[in-house]
């Protein structure tokens, strides 16, 4: 398998979504996994094998696209129609591609494990990130 192929225009927060607004620290597409940089105070793409420890811990899903220094809305928890085809009941994780989301089979050796959520259906991800801080 591979990273989810996300249609940005189809990313929609669910009724139970916890949201936060902020500023993009780089170009971000809707549906990408992000983290809040304590250094820049901006949202950045998360990456499971980043050299930066903070970047390995996804804390949100971008709900809209934004370029550097533009406003961005971020899902912090709850349901999201992710704009990709999911397998119901499957767990999805942070990928080693910046902002990517993948099943556990694609999390490789040396990558840090970051569970993003479980698929409630073929289109809805229950986003509830968990990061134990360990690499495979």
N, C-alpha and C. Protein backbone atom coordinates (compact mmCIF):
# COMPACT_ATOMS: atom_id res chain seq x y z
N UNK A 1 0.84 -1.18 0.00
CA UNK A 1 0.00 0.00 0.00
C UNK A 1 0.89 1.24 0.00
N UNK A 2 0.27 2.38 -0.04
CA UNK A 2 1.00 3.65 -0.08
C UNK A 2 0.21 4.70 0.68
N UNK A 3 0.75 5.91 0.68
CA UNK A 3 0.05 7.02 1.32
C UNK A 3 -1.33 7.20 0.68
N UNK A 4 -2.25 7.70 1.48
CA UNK A 4 -3.58 8.02 0.96
C UNK A 4 -3.46 9.09 -0.12
N UNK A 5 -4.24 8.94 -1.17
CA UNK A 5 -4.34 9.96 -2.20
C UNK A 5 -5.55 10.81 -1.84
N UNK A 6 -5.29 12.01 -1.38
CA UNK A 6 -6.34 12.87 -0.85
C UNK A 6 -6.77 13.92 -1.87
N UNK A 7 -8.07 14.05 -2.04
CA UNK A 7 -8.64 15.11 -2.86
C UNK A 7 -8.92 16.28 -1.92
N UNK A 8 -8.09 17.31 -2.01
CA UNK A 8 -8.15 18.42 -1.06
C UNK A 8 -9.53 19.06 -0.97
N UNK A 9 -10.23 19.18 -2.08
CA UNK A 9 -11.55 19.82 -2.10
C UNK A 9 -12.60 19.00 -1.35
N UNK A 10 -12.29 17.73 -1.05
CA UNK A 10 -13.25 16.86 -0.37
C UNK A 10 -13.00 16.73 1.13
N UNK A 11 -12.01 17.44 1.67
CA UNK A 11 -11.70 17.37 3.10
C UNK A 11 -12.70 18.24 3.86
N UNK A 12 -13.47 17.59 4.76
CA UNK A 12 -14.54 18.29 5.50
C UNK A 12 -14.52 17.84 6.96
N UNK A 13 -14.49 18.78 7.87
CA UNK A 13 -14.54 18.48 9.29
C UNK A 13 -15.92 17.98 9.67
N UNK A 14 -15.99 17.01 10.58
CA UNK A 14 -17.25 16.48 11.07
C UNK A 14 -17.88 17.41 12.09
N UNK A 15 -19.12 17.11 12.47
CA UNK A 15 -19.86 17.93 13.42
C UNK A 15 -19.18 17.98 14.79
N UNK A 16 -18.43 16.93 15.16
CA UNK A 16 -17.78 16.87 16.47
C UNK A 16 -16.34 17.40 16.44
N UNK A 17 -15.94 18.02 15.35
CA UNK A 17 -14.55 18.44 15.16
C UNK A 17 -14.12 19.54 16.11
N UNK A 18 -12.93 19.36 16.67
CA UNK A 18 -12.27 20.42 17.43
C UNK A 18 -11.32 21.10 16.45
N UNK A 19 -11.46 22.42 16.30
CA UNK A 19 -10.67 23.15 15.31
C UNK A 19 -9.81 24.21 15.96
N UNK A 20 -8.78 24.59 15.21
CA UNK A 20 -7.92 25.68 15.65
C UNK A 20 -7.49 26.44 14.40
N UNK A 21 -7.35 27.73 14.53
CA UNK A 21 -6.88 28.56 13.42
C UNK A 21 -5.46 28.99 13.70
N UNK A 22 -4.72 29.24 12.62
CA UNK A 22 -3.35 29.68 12.79
C UNK A 22 -2.76 30.14 11.47
N UNK A 23 -1.44 30.09 11.39
CA UNK A 23 -0.71 30.54 10.22
C UNK A 23 0.14 29.39 9.69
N UNK A 24 0.15 29.24 8.37
CA UNK A 24 0.96 28.19 7.74
C UNK A 24 2.42 28.61 7.71
N UNK A 25 3.31 27.68 8.04
CA UNK A 25 4.75 27.95 8.01
C UNK A 25 5.39 27.49 6.72
N UNK A 26 4.58 26.91 5.84
CA UNK A 26 5.02 26.44 4.53
C UNK A 26 3.76 26.16 3.72
N UNK A 27 3.90 25.76 2.47
CA UNK A 27 2.74 25.43 1.67
C UNK A 27 2.13 24.12 2.18
N UNK A 28 0.86 24.16 2.50
CA UNK A 28 0.14 23.01 3.06
C UNK A 28 -1.14 22.82 2.27
N UNK A 29 -1.45 21.56 1.95
CA UNK A 29 -2.67 21.21 1.23
C UNK A 29 -3.68 20.64 2.22
N UNK A 30 -4.96 20.88 1.99
CA UNK A 30 -6.01 20.31 2.84
C UNK A 30 -5.86 18.79 2.90
N UNK A 31 -6.02 18.23 4.10
CA UNK A 31 -5.91 16.80 4.31
C UNK A 31 -4.55 16.33 4.75
N UNK A 32 -3.58 17.22 4.80
CA UNK A 32 -2.23 16.85 5.21
C UNK A 32 -2.10 16.86 6.73
N UNK A 33 -1.23 15.99 7.24
CA UNK A 33 -0.94 15.90 8.67
C UNK A 33 0.02 17.03 9.04
N UNK A 34 -0.29 17.74 10.11
CA UNK A 34 0.51 18.91 10.50
C UNK A 34 0.84 18.90 11.99
N UNK A 35 1.79 19.75 12.36
CA UNK A 35 2.14 19.98 13.77
C UNK A 35 2.36 21.47 13.96
N UNK A 36 2.27 21.93 15.20
CA UNK A 36 2.49 23.34 15.50
C UNK A 36 3.92 23.52 15.97
N UNK A 37 4.70 24.31 15.25
CA UNK A 37 6.10 24.54 15.60
C UNK A 37 6.21 25.52 16.77
N UNK A 38 6.87 25.08 17.82
CA UNK A 38 7.05 25.95 18.98
C UNK A 38 8.07 27.05 18.69
N UNK A 39 8.87 26.86 17.67
CA UNK A 39 9.88 27.85 17.29
C UNK A 39 9.29 28.96 16.45
N UNK A 40 8.58 28.59 15.38
CA UNK A 40 8.03 29.60 14.45
C UNK A 40 6.62 30.05 14.81
N UNK A 41 5.95 29.26 15.68
CA UNK A 41 4.55 29.51 16.04
C UNK A 41 3.64 29.42 14.82
N UNK A 42 3.99 28.50 13.91
CA UNK A 42 3.22 28.27 12.70
C UNK A 42 2.99 26.78 12.50
N UNK A 43 1.98 26.45 11.69
CA UNK A 43 1.67 25.05 11.37
C UNK A 43 2.57 24.57 10.25
N UNK A 44 3.13 23.39 10.42
CA UNK A 44 4.08 22.80 9.48
C UNK A 44 3.65 21.35 9.17
N UNK A 45 4.17 20.79 8.07
CA UNK A 45 3.89 19.40 7.72
C UNK A 45 4.62 18.45 8.65
N UNK A 46 3.90 17.49 9.21
CA UNK A 46 4.49 16.48 10.09
C UNK A 46 5.15 15.39 9.23
N UNK A 47 6.15 14.72 9.79
CA UNK A 47 6.92 13.72 9.04
C UNK A 47 7.49 12.69 10.03
N UNK A 48 7.14 11.43 9.84
CA UNK A 48 7.50 10.38 10.82
C UNK A 48 9.00 10.09 10.92
N UNK A 49 9.80 10.52 9.95
CA UNK A 49 11.24 10.28 10.06
C UNK A 49 12.04 11.58 10.01
N UNK A 50 11.42 12.67 10.42
CA UNK A 50 12.09 13.97 10.43
C UNK A 50 13.24 13.97 11.44
N UNK A 51 14.27 14.74 11.15
CA UNK A 51 15.37 14.91 12.09
C UNK A 51 14.93 15.78 13.27
N UNK A 52 13.86 16.54 13.08
CA UNK A 52 13.32 17.40 14.13
C UNK A 52 12.28 16.62 14.93
N UNK A 53 12.54 16.40 16.21
CA UNK A 53 11.64 15.59 17.05
C UNK A 53 10.21 16.12 17.05
N UNK A 54 10.05 17.42 17.12
CA UNK A 54 8.72 18.03 17.16
C UNK A 54 7.90 17.71 15.90
N UNK A 55 8.56 17.61 14.76
CA UNK A 55 7.89 17.35 13.48
C UNK A 55 7.36 15.92 13.37
N UNK A 56 7.85 15.03 14.22
CA UNK A 56 7.42 13.62 14.17
C UNK A 56 6.10 13.37 14.89
N UNK A 57 5.57 14.40 15.53
CA UNK A 57 4.33 14.26 16.30
C UNK A 57 3.22 15.09 15.66
N UNK A 58 2.38 14.43 14.88
CA UNK A 58 1.25 15.11 14.24
C UNK A 58 0.22 15.49 15.30
N UNK A 59 -0.24 16.74 15.22
CA UNK A 59 -1.27 17.19 16.17
C UNK A 59 -2.50 17.75 15.47
N UNK A 60 -2.52 17.65 14.13
CA UNK A 60 -3.68 18.17 13.42
C UNK A 60 -3.72 17.74 11.97
N UNK A 61 -4.88 17.97 11.36
CA UNK A 61 -5.10 17.74 9.93
C UNK A 61 -5.53 19.08 9.33
N UNK A 62 -4.84 19.51 8.27
CA UNK A 62 -5.19 20.77 7.61
C UNK A 62 -6.56 20.66 6.98
N UNK A 63 -7.43 21.65 7.25
CA UNK A 63 -8.78 21.65 6.69
C UNK A 63 -8.88 22.52 5.43
N UNK A 64 -7.85 23.31 5.17
CA UNK A 64 -7.81 24.10 3.94
C UNK A 64 -6.35 24.19 3.49
N UNK A 65 -6.16 24.60 2.26
CA UNK A 65 -4.82 24.80 1.76
C UNK A 65 -4.34 26.20 2.10
N UNK A 66 -3.03 26.34 2.26
CA UNK A 66 -2.45 27.64 2.56
C UNK A 66 -0.98 27.65 2.16
N UNK A 67 -0.50 28.82 1.77
CA UNK A 67 0.92 29.02 1.49
C UNK A 67 1.56 29.68 2.71
N UNK A 68 2.86 29.83 2.68
CA UNK A 68 3.60 30.44 3.77
C UNK A 68 2.95 31.75 4.23
N UNK A 69 2.71 31.83 5.53
CA UNK A 69 2.15 33.01 6.21
C UNK A 69 0.68 33.28 5.91
N UNK A 70 -0.01 32.34 5.28
CA UNK A 70 -1.45 32.49 5.07
C UNK A 70 -2.21 31.80 6.21
N UNK A 71 -3.48 32.18 6.43
CA UNK A 71 -4.27 31.55 7.49
C UNK A 71 -4.62 30.10 7.14
N UNK A 72 -4.64 29.28 8.18
CA UNK A 72 -4.98 27.87 8.00
C UNK A 72 -5.88 27.42 9.15
N UNK A 73 -6.85 26.56 8.82
CA UNK A 73 -7.72 25.94 9.82
C UNK A 73 -7.24 24.50 10.00
N UNK A 74 -7.18 24.06 11.25
CA UNK A 74 -6.64 22.74 11.56
C UNK A 74 -7.62 21.97 12.43
N UNK A 75 -7.86 20.71 12.06
CA UNK A 75 -8.66 19.79 12.88
C UNK A 75 -7.75 19.25 13.97
N UNK A 76 -8.12 19.43 15.22
CA UNK A 76 -7.32 18.95 16.35
C UNK A 76 -7.83 17.62 16.89
N UNK A 77 -9.08 17.27 16.57
CA UNK A 77 -9.66 16.02 17.02
C UNK A 77 -11.07 15.89 16.49
N UNK A 78 -11.54 14.65 16.40
CA UNK A 78 -12.89 14.41 15.91
C UNK A 78 -12.88 13.81 14.52
N UNK A 79 -14.07 13.72 13.95
CA UNK A 79 -14.22 13.10 12.63
C UNK A 79 -13.86 14.07 11.51
N UNK A 80 -13.29 13.48 10.45
CA UNK A 80 -12.98 14.25 9.26
C UNK A 80 -13.22 13.37 8.04
N UNK A 81 -13.95 13.91 7.07
CA UNK A 81 -14.05 13.27 5.77
C UNK A 81 -12.73 13.64 5.11
N UNK A 82 -11.86 12.66 4.95
CA UNK A 82 -10.47 12.92 4.59
C UNK A 82 -10.23 13.13 3.11
N UNK A 83 -11.23 12.85 2.27
CA UNK A 83 -11.04 13.07 0.85
C UNK A 83 -10.26 11.96 0.16
N UNK A 84 -10.25 10.79 0.78
CA UNK A 84 -9.56 9.62 0.23
C UNK A 84 -10.39 8.39 0.54
N UNK A 85 -10.09 7.30 -0.14
CA UNK A 85 -10.79 6.04 0.13
C UNK A 85 -10.05 5.31 1.25
N UNK A 86 -10.78 5.06 2.33
CA UNK A 86 -10.25 4.37 3.50
C UNK A 86 -10.80 2.95 3.56
N UNK A 87 -10.18 2.13 4.39
CA UNK A 87 -10.72 0.81 4.68
C UNK A 87 -11.30 0.88 6.09
N UNK A 88 -12.61 0.73 6.21
CA UNK A 88 -13.27 0.84 7.51
C UNK A 88 -12.61 -0.08 8.53
N UNK A 89 -12.39 0.45 9.73
CA UNK A 89 -11.78 -0.32 10.80
C UNK A 89 -10.26 -0.33 10.79
N UNK A 90 -9.65 0.26 9.79
CA UNK A 90 -8.19 0.29 9.67
C UNK A 90 -7.61 1.49 10.40
N UNK A 91 -6.46 1.27 11.03
CA UNK A 91 -5.73 2.35 11.69
C UNK A 91 -4.83 3.04 10.67
N UNK A 92 -4.76 4.35 10.75
CA UNK A 92 -3.92 5.14 9.84
C UNK A 92 -2.88 5.92 10.64
N UNK A 93 -1.69 6.02 10.05
CA UNK A 93 -0.51 6.56 10.73
C UNK A 93 0.13 7.69 9.93
N UNK A 94 1.00 8.44 10.60
CA UNK A 94 1.80 9.45 9.95
C UNK A 94 2.84 8.76 9.07
N UNK A 95 3.01 9.27 7.87
CA UNK A 95 3.93 8.70 6.88
C UNK A 95 5.31 9.36 6.96
N UNK A 96 6.27 8.76 6.25
CA UNK A 96 7.60 9.36 6.14
C UNK A 96 7.67 10.37 5.00
N UNK A 97 6.53 10.61 4.35
CA UNK A 97 6.40 11.69 3.38
C UNK A 97 5.76 12.85 4.13
N UNK A 98 6.36 14.01 4.07
CA UNK A 98 5.85 15.16 4.83
C UNK A 98 4.36 15.37 4.60
N UNK A 99 3.58 15.30 5.69
CA UNK A 99 2.14 15.49 5.64
C UNK A 99 1.35 14.26 5.25
N UNK A 100 2.02 13.18 4.90
CA UNK A 100 1.35 11.98 4.41
C UNK A 100 0.69 11.14 5.49
N UNK A 101 -0.32 10.37 5.07
CA UNK A 101 -1.07 9.47 5.95
C UNK A 101 -1.04 8.10 5.29
N UNK A 102 -0.75 7.05 6.09
CA UNK A 102 -0.63 5.71 5.53
C UNK A 102 -1.09 4.65 6.53
N UNK A 103 -1.33 3.41 6.06
CA UNK A 103 -1.61 2.31 6.99
C UNK A 103 -0.31 1.84 7.64
N UNK A 104 -0.39 1.06 8.70
CA UNK A 104 0.79 0.61 9.46
C UNK A 104 1.77 -0.17 8.59
N UNK A 105 1.29 -0.86 7.57
CA UNK A 105 2.17 -1.64 6.70
C UNK A 105 3.21 -0.77 6.02
N UNK A 106 2.93 0.52 5.90
CA UNK A 106 3.86 1.43 5.24
C UNK A 106 4.75 2.21 6.20
N UNK A 107 4.64 1.95 7.50
CA UNK A 107 5.52 2.57 8.47
C UNK A 107 6.74 1.66 8.57
N UNK A 108 7.90 2.18 8.16
CA UNK A 108 9.10 1.35 8.06
C UNK A 108 10.08 1.52 9.21
N UNK A 109 11.12 0.75 9.15
CA UNK A 109 12.18 0.77 10.14
C UNK A 109 12.79 2.16 10.26
N UNK A 110 12.97 2.62 11.49
CA UNK A 110 13.55 3.93 11.75
C UNK A 110 12.53 5.05 11.82
N UNK A 111 11.30 4.78 11.42
CA UNK A 111 10.25 5.81 11.48
C UNK A 111 9.62 5.80 12.88
N UNK A 112 9.20 6.98 13.31
CA UNK A 112 8.52 7.09 14.59
C UNK A 112 7.03 6.82 14.40
N UNK A 113 6.47 6.01 15.27
CA UNK A 113 5.07 5.61 15.18
C UNK A 113 4.17 6.73 15.70
N UNK A 114 3.22 7.14 14.87
CA UNK A 114 2.27 8.18 15.25
C UNK A 114 0.90 7.79 14.69
N UNK A 115 0.09 7.15 15.54
CA UNK A 115 -1.26 6.76 15.15
C UNK A 115 -2.10 8.03 15.02
N UNK A 116 -2.73 8.20 13.85
CA UNK A 116 -3.57 9.38 13.63
C UNK A 116 -5.03 9.11 13.93
N UNK A 117 -5.49 7.90 13.63
CA UNK A 117 -6.89 7.60 13.90
C UNK A 117 -7.33 6.32 13.24
N UNK A 118 -8.61 6.02 13.44
CA UNK A 118 -9.23 4.81 12.88
C UNK A 118 -10.30 5.22 11.88
N UNK A 119 -10.38 4.46 10.79
CA UNK A 119 -11.40 4.72 9.77
C UNK A 119 -12.75 4.23 10.28
N UNK A 120 -13.72 5.14 10.35
CA UNK A 120 -15.08 4.78 10.77
C UNK A 120 -15.90 4.26 9.60
N UNK A 121 -15.44 4.60 8.39
CA UNK A 121 -16.12 4.19 7.16
C UNK A 121 -15.10 4.27 6.03
N UNK A 122 -15.55 4.20 4.81
CA UNK A 122 -14.62 4.30 3.68
C UNK A 122 -14.23 5.74 3.38
N UNK A 123 -14.79 6.69 4.13
CA UNK A 123 -14.45 8.09 3.88
C UNK A 123 -14.16 8.91 5.14
N UNK A 124 -14.56 8.43 6.31
CA UNK A 124 -14.42 9.20 7.54
C UNK A 124 -13.35 8.62 8.46
N UNK A 125 -12.41 9.48 8.85
CA UNK A 125 -11.36 9.13 9.79
C UNK A 125 -11.67 9.75 11.14
N UNK A 126 -11.67 8.94 12.19
CA UNK A 126 -11.85 9.45 13.55
C UNK A 126 -10.45 9.86 14.03
N UNK A 127 -10.14 11.15 13.93
CA UNK A 127 -8.80 11.66 14.23
C UNK A 127 -8.62 11.81 15.73
N UNK A 128 -7.68 11.03 16.28
CA UNK A 128 -7.36 11.07 17.70
C UNK A 128 -5.91 10.64 17.82
N UNK A 129 -4.96 11.54 17.51
CA UNK A 129 -3.55 11.15 17.43
C UNK A 129 -2.96 10.64 18.74
N UNK A 130 -2.08 9.63 18.59
CA UNK A 130 -1.35 9.07 19.72
C UNK A 130 0.11 8.94 19.30
N UNK A 131 1.00 9.45 20.11
CA UNK A 131 2.43 9.44 19.79
C UNK A 131 3.22 8.94 20.99
N UNK A 132 3.68 7.68 20.94
CA UNK A 132 4.45 7.14 22.07
C UNK A 132 5.92 7.56 22.08
N UNK A 133 6.40 8.17 20.99
CA UNK A 133 7.78 8.63 20.94
C UNK A 133 8.80 7.54 20.67
N UNK A 134 8.37 6.44 20.05
CA UNK A 134 9.29 5.34 19.75
C UNK A 134 9.35 5.08 18.24
N UNK A 135 10.52 4.65 17.79
CA UNK A 135 10.72 4.32 16.39
C UNK A 135 10.68 2.81 16.21
N UNK A 136 10.29 2.38 15.02
CA UNK A 136 10.28 0.95 14.71
C UNK A 136 11.70 0.48 14.45
